[in-house]
Amino acid sequence: MDNKLILLSEETSRGDLRSPADMLSEALDDHTSGEMSDNTKAMVLSLDNQNGEYNVTWYQAGMKCSEMLALLEVAKTKILQEMGY
């Protein structure tokens, strides 16, 4: 197959078209390549909404729970701005 194959999720910026494994791989690449290499704290949230239940898992590095909550509030505000609210 030639190199003309492009993932739709990359072209549309639609995260709902990207797999969790692809997202984690991209984040790790950004961290190790230098784009995020100065970051000393990180958090990953995961949602399993199968079978009508909502199971949330999180992983954090270098953060206290209070810092996780502050990050979530800042992220919420930025996401709402991107959505036009």
PDB file of N, CA and C in Angstrom:
ATOM      1  N   MET A   1       0.848  -1.174   0.000  1.00  0.00           N
ATOM      2  CA  MET A   1       0.000   0.000   0.000  1.00  0.00           C
ATOM      3  C   MET A   1       0.896   1.241   0.000  1.00  0.00           C
ATOM      4  N   ASP A   2       0.496   2.262  -0.747  1.00  0.00           N
ATOM      5  CA  ASP A   2       1.310   3.465  -0.810  1.00  0.00           C
ATOM      6  C   ASP A   2       1.075   4.378   0.386  1.00  0.00           C
ATOM      7  N   ASN A   3       1.766   5.492   0.427  1.00  0.00           N
ATOM      8  CA  ASN A   3       1.701   6.415   1.561  1.00  0.00           C
ATOM      9  C   ASN A   3       0.565   7.426   1.446  1.00  0.00           C
ATOM     10  N   LYS A   4      -0.419   7.169   0.630  1.00  0.00           N
ATOM     11  CA  LYS A   4      -1.537   8.098   0.463  1.00  0.00           C
ATOM     12  C   LYS A   4      -2.649   7.854   1.473  1.00  0.00           C
ATOM     13  N   LEU A   5      -2.510   6.845   2.304  1.00  0.00           N
ATOM     14  CA  LEU A   5      -3.516   6.538   3.310  1.00  0.00           C
ATOM     15  C   LEU A   5      -3.346   7.476   4.505  1.00  0.00           C
ATOM     16  N   ILE A   6      -4.403   8.197   4.847  1.00  0.00           N
ATOM     17  CA  ILE A   6      -4.372   9.151   5.951  1.00  0.00           C
ATOM     18  C   ILE A   6      -5.541   8.839   6.880  1.00  0.00           C
ATOM     19  N   LEU A   7      -5.273   8.808   8.168  1.00  0.00           N
ATOM     20  CA  LEU A   7      -6.345   8.572   9.127  1.00  0.00           C
ATOM     21  C   LEU A   7      -7.310   9.751   9.131  1.00  0.00           C
ATOM     22  N   LEU A   8      -8.602   9.467   9.060  1.00  0.00           N
ATOM     23  CA  LEU A   8      -9.619  10.508   9.079  1.00  0.00           C
ATOM     24  C   LEU A   8      -9.526  11.336  10.356  1.00  0.00           C
ATOM     25  N   SER A   9      -9.210  10.698  11.476  1.00  0.00           N
ATOM     26  CA  SER A   9      -9.122  11.420  12.742  1.00  0.00           C
ATOM     27  C   SER A   9      -8.030  12.478  12.712  1.00  0.00           C
ATOM     28  N   GLU A  10      -6.958  12.251  11.951  1.00  0.00           N
ATOM     29  CA  GLU A  10      -5.880  13.238  11.854  1.00  0.00           C
ATOM     30  C   GLU A  10      -6.287  14.433  11.008  1.00  0.00           C
ATOM     31  N   GLU A  11      -7.108  14.198  10.006  1.00  0.00           N
ATOM     32  CA  GLU A  11      -7.516  15.258   9.096  1.00  0.00           C
ATOM     33  C   GLU A  11      -8.668  16.092   9.628  1.00  0.00           C
ATOM     34  N   THR A  12      -9.476  15.546  10.504  1.00  0.00           N
ATOM     35  CA  THR A  12     -10.666  16.251  10.955  1.00  0.00           C
ATOM     36  C   THR A  12     -10.566  16.759  12.383  1.00  0.00           C
ATOM     37  N   SER A  13      -9.507  16.389  13.103  1.00  0.00           N
ATOM     38  CA  SER A  13      -9.347  16.736  14.521  1.00  0.00           C
ATOM     39  C   SER A  13     -10.498  16.201  15.359  1.00  0.00           C
ATOM     40  N   ARG A  14     -11.092  15.114  14.936  1.00  0.00           N
ATOM     41  CA  ARG A  14     -12.193  14.508  15.680  1.00  0.00           C
ATOM     42  C   ARG A  14     -11.636  13.381  16.533  1.00  0.00           C
ATOM     43  N   GLY A  15     -11.556  13.640  17.821  1.00  0.00           N
ATOM     44  CA  GLY A  15     -11.042  12.645  18.738  1.00  0.00           C
ATOM     45  C   GLY A  15     -11.900  11.403  18.828  1.00  0.00           C
ATOM     46  N   ASP A  16     -13.195  11.531  18.497  1.00  0.00           N
ATOM     47  CA  ASP A  16     -14.074  10.369  18.573  1.00  0.00           C
ATOM     48  C   ASP A  16     -13.773   9.344  17.489  1.00  0.00           C
ATOM     49  N   LEU A  17     -12.942   9.711  16.519  1.00  0.00           N
ATOM     50  CA  LEU A  17     -12.551   8.777  15.465  1.00  0.00           C
ATOM     51  C   LEU A  17     -11.195   8.126  15.749  1.00  0.00           C
ATOM     52  N   ARG A  18     -10.570   8.503  16.842  1.00  0.00           N
ATOM     53  CA  ARG A  18      -9.241   8.002  17.189  1.00  0.00           C
ATOM     54  C   ARG A  18      -9.365   6.962  18.290  1.00  0.00           C
ATOM     55  N   SER A  19      -8.541   5.946  18.235  1.00  0.00           N
ATOM     56  CA  SER A  19      -8.566   4.917  19.278  1.00  0.00           C
ATOM     57  C   SER A  19      -7.769   5.388  20.488  1.00  0.00           C
ATOM     58  N   PRO A  20      -8.089   4.881  21.683  1.00  0.00           N
ATOM     59  CA  PRO A  20      -7.296   5.227  22.866  1.00  0.00           C
ATOM     60  C   PRO A  20      -5.811   4.900  22.690  1.00  0.00           C
ATOM     61  N   ALA A  21      -5.504   3.786  22.046  1.00  0.00           N
ATOM     62  CA  ALA A  21      -4.101   3.410  21.836  1.00  0.00           C
ATOM     63  C   ALA A  21      -3.390   4.434  20.949  1.00  0.00           C
ATOM     64  N   ASP A  22      -4.056   4.917  19.897  1.00  0.00           N
ATOM     65  CA  ASP A  22      -3.462   5.939  19.031  1.00  0.00           C
ATOM     66  C   ASP A  22      -3.226   7.237  19.794  1.00  0.00           C
ATOM     67  N   MET A  23      -4.195   7.629  20.619  1.00  0.00           N
ATOM     68  CA  MET A  23      -4.066   8.857  21.394  1.00  0.00           C
ATOM     69  C   MET A  23      -2.891   8.766  22.362  1.00  0.00           C
ATOM     70  N   LEU A  24      -2.774   7.637  23.065  1.00  0.00           N
ATOM     71  CA  LEU A  24      -1.673   7.465  24.014  1.00  0.00           C
ATOM     72  C   LEU A  24      -0.323   7.439  23.299  1.00  0.00           C
ATOM     73  N   SER A  25      -0.285   6.809  22.144  1.00  0.00           N
ATOM     74  CA  SER A  25       0.952   6.756  21.366  1.00  0.00           C
ATOM     75  C   SER A  25       1.371   8.160  20.924  1.00  0.00           C
ATOM     76  N   GLU A  26       0.403   8.957  20.470  1.00  0.00           N
ATOM     77  CA  GLU A  26       0.701  10.329  20.046  1.00  0.00           C
ATOM     78  C   GLU A  26       1.191  11.171  21.227  1.00  0.00           C
ATOM     79  N   ALA A  27       0.542  11.025  22.371  1.00  0.00           N
ATOM     80  CA  ALA A  27       0.960  11.780  23.558  1.00  0.00           C
ATOM     81  C   ALA A  27       2.378  11.385  23.978  1.00  0.00           C
ATOM     82  N   LEU A  28       2.679  10.099  23.939  1.00  0.00           N
ATOM     83  CA  LEU A  28       4.017   9.643  24.294  1.00  0.00           C
ATOM     84  C   LEU A  28       5.049  10.159  23.297  1.00  0.00           C
ATOM     85  N   ASP A  29       4.707  10.137  22.013  1.00  0.00           N
ATOM     86  CA  ASP A  29       5.612  10.690  20.996  1.00  0.00           C
ATOM     87  C   ASP A  29       5.874  12.165  21.252  1.00  0.00           C
ATOM     88  N   ASP A  30       4.818  12.941  21.560  1.00  0.00           N
ATOM     89  CA  ASP A  30       4.984  14.368  21.846  1.00  0.00           C
ATOM     90  C   ASP A  30       5.855  14.580  23.070  1.00  0.00           C
ATOM     91  N   HIS A  31       5.700  13.738  24.063  1.00  0.00           N
ATOM     92  CA  HIS A  31       6.493  13.874  25.289  1.00  0.00           C
ATOM     93  C   HIS A  31       7.966  13.560  25.030  1.00  0.00           C
ATOM     94  N   THR A  32       8.237  12.501  24.317  1.00  0.00           N
ATOM     95  CA  THR A  32       9.626  12.095  24.106  1.00  0.00           C
ATOM     96  C   THR A  32      10.327  12.902  23.016  1.00  0.00           C
ATOM     97  N   SER A  33       9.575  13.491  22.082  1.00  0.00           N
ATOM     98  CA  SER A  33      10.194  14.239  20.983  1.00  0.00           C
ATOM     99  C   SER A  33      10.567  15.661  21.370  1.00  0.00           C
ATOM    100  N   GLY A  34      10.060  16.125  22.486  1.00  0.00           N
ATOM    101  CA  GLY A  34      10.418  17.466  22.919  1.00  0.00           C
ATOM    102  C   GLY A  34       9.257  18.419  23.029  1.00  0.00           C
ATOM    103  N   GLU A  35       8.140  18.156  22.329  1.00  0.00           N
ATOM    104  CA  GLU A  35       7.003  19.079  22.362  1.00  0.00           C
ATOM    105  C   GLU A  35       6.459  19.231  23.776  1.00  0.00           C
ATOM    106  N   MET A  36       6.459  18.144  24.539  1.00  0.00           N
ATOM    107  CA  MET A  36       5.978  18.179  25.921  1.00  0.00           C
ATOM    108  C   MET A  36       7.048  17.708  26.899  1.00  0.00           C
ATOM    109  N   SER A  37       8.292  17.697  26.482  1.00  0.00           N
ATOM    110  CA  SER A  37       9.347  17.096  27.306  1.00  0.00           C
ATOM    111  C   SER A  37       9.614  17.862  28.600  1.00  0.00           C
ATOM    112  N   ASP A  38       9.227  19.130  28.663  1.00  0.00           N
ATOM    113  CA  ASP A  38       9.418  19.906  29.885  1.00  0.00           C
ATOM    114  C   ASP A  38       8.294  19.687  30.892  1.00  0.00           C
ATOM    115  N   ASN A  39       7.238  19.036  30.493  1.00  0.00           N
ATOM    116  CA  ASN A  39       6.123  18.784  31.409  1.00  0.00           C
ATOM    117  C   ASN A  39       6.570  17.825  32.507  1.00  0.00           C
ATOM    118  N   THR A  40       6.310  18.206  33.750  1.00  0.00           N
ATOM    119  CA  THR A  40       6.692  17.371  34.887  1.00  0.00           C
ATOM    120  C   THR A  40       5.487  16.682  35.514  1.00  0.00           C
ATOM    121  N   LYS A  41       4.297  16.988  35.003  1.00  0.00           N
ATOM    122  CA  LYS A  41       3.071  16.411  35.543  1.00  0.00           C
ATOM    123  C   LYS A  41       2.190  15.965  34.386  1.00  0.00           C
ATOM    124  N   ALA A  42       1.468  14.873  34.610  1.00  0.00           N
ATOM    125  CA  ALA A  42       0.585  14.368  33.558  1.00  0.00           C
ATOM    126  C   ALA A  42      -0.578  13.617  34.178  1.00  0.00           C
ATOM    127  N   MET A  43      -1.675  13.577  33.419  1.00  0.00           N
ATOM    128  CA  MET A  43      -2.856  12.844  33.866  1.00  0.00           C
ATOM    129  C   MET A  43      -3.565  12.273  32.640  1.00  0.00           C
ATOM    130  N   VAL A  44      -4.032  11.039  32.768  1.00  0.00           N
ATOM    131  CA  VAL A  44      -4.802  10.389  31.720  1.00  0.00           C
ATOM    132  C   VAL A  44      -6.114   9.925  32.334  1.00  0.00           C
ATOM    133  N   LEU A  45      -7.215  10.286  31.692  1.00  0.00           N
ATOM    134  CA  LEU A  45      -8.546   9.823  32.108  1.00  0.00           C
ATOM    135  C   LEU A  45      -9.040   8.815  31.090  1.00  0.00           C
ATOM    136  N   SER A  46      -9.707   7.798  31.576  1.00  0.00           N
ATOM    137  CA  SER A  46     -10.252   6.776  30.698  1.00  0.00           C
ATOM    138  C   SER A  46     -11.697   6.503  31.103  1.00  0.00           C
ATOM    139  N   LEU A  47     -12.568   6.365  30.093  1.00  0.00           N
ATOM    140  CA  LEU A  47     -13.981   6.103  30.342  1.00  0.00           C
ATOM    141  C   LEU A  47     -14.396   4.820  29.641  1.00  0.00           C
ATOM    142  N   ASP A  48     -15.005   3.934  30.382  1.00  0.00           N
ATOM    143  CA  ASP A  48     -15.619   2.721  29.820  1.00  0.00           C
ATOM    144  C   ASP A  48     -17.118   2.873  30.034  1.00  0.00           C
ATOM    145  N   ASN A  49     -17.854   3.096  28.946  1.00  0.00           N
ATOM    146  CA  ASN A  49     -19.307   3.298  29.072  1.00  0.00           C
ATOM    147  C   ASN A  49     -20.088   2.161  28.425  1.00  0.00           C
ATOM    148  N   GLN A  50     -19.554   0.973  28.506  1.00  0.00           N
ATOM    149  CA  GLN A  50     -20.247  -0.187  27.958  1.00  0.00           C
ATOM    150  C   GLN A  50     -21.293  -0.684  28.948  1.00  0.00           C
ATOM    151  N   ASN A  51     -22.272  -1.349  28.428  1.00  0.00           N
ATOM    152  CA  ASN A  51     -23.320  -1.968  29.238  1.00  0.00           C
ATOM    153  C   ASN A  51     -24.089  -0.974  30.106  1.00  0.00           C
ATOM    154  N   GLY A  52     -24.186   0.281  29.676  1.00  0.00           N
ATOM    155  CA  GLY A  52     -24.960   1.266  30.408  1.00  0.00           C
ATOM    156  C   GLY A  52     -24.329   1.752  31.706  1.00  0.00           C
ATOM    157  N   GLU A  53     -23.073   1.449  31.929  1.00  0.00           N
ATOM    158  CA  GLU A  53     -22.379   1.898  33.140  1.00  0.00           C
ATOM    159  C   GLU A  53     -21.240   2.837  32.752  1.00  0.00           C
ATOM    160  N   TYR A  54     -20.875   3.691  33.685  1.00  0.00           N
ATOM    161  CA  TYR A  54     -19.774   4.616  33.465  1.00  0.00           C
ATOM    162  C   TYR A  54     -18.673   4.305  34.465  1.00  0.00           C
ATOM    163  N   ASN A  55     -17.599   3.719  33.968  1.00  0.00           N
ATOM    164  CA  ASN A  55     -16.447   3.396  34.806  1.00  0.00           C
ATOM    165  C   ASN A  55     -15.286   4.283  34.391  1.00  0.00           C
ATOM    166  N   VAL A  56     -14.793   5.079  35.332  1.00  0.00           N
ATOM    167  CA  VAL A  56     -13.713   6.021  35.062  1.00  0.00           C
ATOM    168  C   VAL A  56     -12.441   5.519  35.730  1.00  0.00           C
ATOM    169  N   THR A  57     -11.366   5.578  34.974  1.00  0.00           N
ATOM    170  CA  THR A  57     -10.051   5.234  35.496  1.00  0.00           C
ATOM    171  C   THR A  57      -9.127   6.407  35.222  1.00  0.00           C
ATOM    172  N   TRP A  58      -8.218   6.669  36.130  1.00  0.00           N
ATOM    173  CA  TRP A  58      -7.247   7.726  35.879  1.00  0.00           C
ATOM    174  C   TRP A  58      -5.868   7.273  36.331  1.00  0.00           C
ATOM    175  N   TYR A  59      -4.896   7.876  35.672  1.00  0.00           N
ATOM    176  CA  TYR A  59      -3.489   7.675  35.988  1.00  0.00           C
ATOM    177  C   TYR A  59      -2.875   9.059  36.099  1.00  0.00           C
ATOM    178  N   GLN A  60      -1.992   9.241  37.050  1.00  0.00           N
ATOM    179  CA  GLN A  60      -1.335  10.534  37.162  1.00  0.00           C
ATOM    180  C   GLN A  60       0.134  10.334  37.495  1.00  0.00           C
ATOM    181  N   ALA A  61       0.903  11.335  37.121  1.00  0.00           N
ATOM    182  CA  ALA A  61       2.336  11.332  37.423  1.00  0.00           C
ATOM    183  C   ALA A  61       2.715  12.713  37.921  1.00  0.00           C
ATOM    184  N   GLY A  62       3.328  12.739  39.087  1.00  0.00           N
ATOM    185  CA  GLY A  62       3.818  13.997  39.637  1.00  0.00           C
ATOM    186  C   GLY A  62       2.751  14.944  40.139  1.00  0.00           C
ATOM    187  N   MET A  63       1.541  14.447  40.380  1.00  0.00           N
ATOM    188  CA  MET A  63       0.440  15.320  40.770  1.00  0.00           C
ATOM    189  C   MET A  63      -0.205  14.855  42.066  1.00  0.00           C
ATOM    190  N   LYS A  64      -0.658  15.841  42.828  1.00  0.00           N
ATOM    191  CA  LYS A  64      -1.518  15.570  43.982  1.00  0.00           C
ATOM    192  C   LYS A  64      -2.970  15.576  43.494  1.00  0.00           C
ATOM    193  N   CYS A  65      -3.864  15.022  44.284  1.00  0.00           N
ATOM    194  CA  CYS A  65      -5.285  15.009  43.900  1.00  0.00           C
ATOM    195  C   CYS A  65      -5.818  16.425  43.701  1.00  0.00           C
ATOM    196  N   SER A  66      -5.392  17.369  44.523  1.00  0.00           N
ATOM    197  CA  SER A  66      -5.859  18.751  44.373  1.00  0.00           C
ATOM    198  C   SER A  66      -5.395  19.344  43.045  1.00  0.00           C
ATOM    199  N   GLU A  67      -4.207  18.972  42.597  1.00  0.00           N
ATOM    200  CA  GLU A  67      -3.709  19.458  41.309  1.00  0.00           C
ATOM    201  C   GLU A  67      -4.487  18.814  40.158  1.00  0.00           C
ATOM    202  N   MET A  68      -4.872  17.561  40.339  1.00  0.00           N
ATOM    203  CA  MET A  68      -5.695  16.906  39.321  1.00  0.00           C
ATOM    204  C   MET A  68      -7.021  17.642  39.167  1.00  0.00           C
ATOM    205  N   LEU A  69      -7.651  17.990  40.288  1.00  0.00           N
ATOM    206  CA  LEU A  69      -8.933  18.707  40.229  1.00  0.00           C
ATOM    207  C   LEU A  69      -8.771  20.078  39.580  1.00  0.00           C
ATOM    208  N   ALA A  70      -7.695  20.786  39.913  1.00  0.00           N
ATOM    209  CA  ALA A  70      -7.445  22.094  39.304  1.00  0.00           C
ATOM    210  C   ALA A  70      -7.240  21.953  37.799  1.00  0.00           C
ATOM    211  N   LEU A  71      -6.500  20.940  37.385  1.00  0.00           N
ATOM    212  CA  LEU A  71      -6.276  20.703  35.961  1.00  0.00           C
ATOM    213  C   LEU A  71      -7.586  20.408  35.249  1.00  0.00           C
ATOM    214  N   LEU A  72      -8.449  19.614  35.867  1.00  0.00           N
ATOM    215  CA  LEU A  72      -9.742  19.311  35.259  1.00  0.00           C
ATOM    216  C   LEU A  72     -10.583  20.566  35.084  1.00  0.00           C
ATOM    217  N   GLU A  73     -10.565  21.462  36.056  1.00  0.00           N
ATOM    218  CA  GLU A  73     -11.330  22.714  35.951  1.00  0.00           C
ATOM    219  C   GLU A  73     -10.792  23.595  34.835  1.00  0.00           C
ATOM    220  N   VAL A  74      -9.464  23.702  34.732  1.00  0.00           N
ATOM    221  CA  VAL A  74      -8.864  24.504  33.664  1.00  0.00           C
ATOM    222  C   VAL A  74      -9.185  23.884  32.303  1.00  0.00           C
ATOM    223  N   ALA A  75      -9.045  22.559  32.204  1.00  0.00           N
ATOM    224  CA  ALA A  75      -9.341  21.873  30.948  1.00  0.00           C
ATOM    225  C   ALA A  75     -10.810  22.057  30.569  1.00  0.00           C
ATOM    226  N   LYS A  76     -11.703  21.968  31.548  1.00  0.00           N
ATOM    227  CA  LYS A  76     -13.130  22.158  31.283  1.00  0.00           C
ATOM    228  C   LYS A  76     -13.386  23.528  30.673  1.00  0.00           C
ATOM    229  N   THR A  77     -12.789  24.567  31.245  1.00  0.00           N
ATOM    230  CA  THR A  77     -12.964  25.925  30.749  1.00  0.00           C
ATOM    231  C   THR A  77     -12.445  26.058  29.322  1.00  0.00           C
ATOM    232  N   LYS A  78     -11.263  25.499  29.064  1.00  0.00           N
ATOM    233  CA  LYS A  78     -10.683  25.595  27.725  1.00  0.00           C
ATOM    234  C   LYS A  78     -11.509  24.814  26.698  1.00  0.00           C
ATOM    235  N   ILE A  79     -12.000  23.654  27.083  1.00  0.00           N
ATOM    236  CA  ILE A  79     -12.817  22.854  26.168  1.00  0.00           C
ATOM    237  C   ILE A  79     -14.122  23.580  25.848  1.00  0.00           C
ATOM    238  N   LEU A  80     -14.753  24.175  26.864  1.00  0.00           N
ATOM    239  CA  LEU A  80     -15.979  24.941  26.622  1.00  0.00           C
ATOM    240  C   LEU A  80     -15.719  26.108  25.679  1.00  0.00           C
ATOM    241  N   GLN A  81     -14.565  26.777  25.824  1.00  0.00           N
ATOM    242  CA  GLN A  81     -14.219  27.875  24.915  1.00  0.00           C
ATOM    243  C   GLN A  81     -14.063  27.362  23.484  1.00  0.00           C
ATOM    244  N   GLU A  82     -13.401  26.211  23.320  1.00  0.00           N
ATOM    245  CA  GLU A  82     -13.235  25.644  21.978  1.00  0.00           C
ATOM    246  C   GLU A  82     -14.581  25.275  21.364  1.00  0.00           C
ATOM    247  N   MET A  83     -15.540  24.909  22.214  1.00  0.00           N
ATOM    248  CA  MET A  83     -16.868  24.545  21.740  1.00  0.00           C
ATOM    249  C   MET A  83     -17.742  25.772  21.496  1.00  0.00           C
ATOM    250  N   GLY A  84     -17.238  26.957  21.826  1.00  0.00           N
ATOM    251  CA  GLY A  84     -17.982  28.184  21.573  1.00  0.00           C
ATOM    252  C   GLY A  84     -18.891  28.631  22.683  1.00  0.00           C
ATOM    253  N   TYR A  85     -18.684  28.127  23.885  1.00  0.00           N
ATOM    254  CA  TYR A  85     -19.515  28.530  25.023  1.00  0.00           C
ATOM    255  C   TYR A  85     -18.829  29.588  25.848  1.00  0.00           C
TER     256      TYR A  85
END
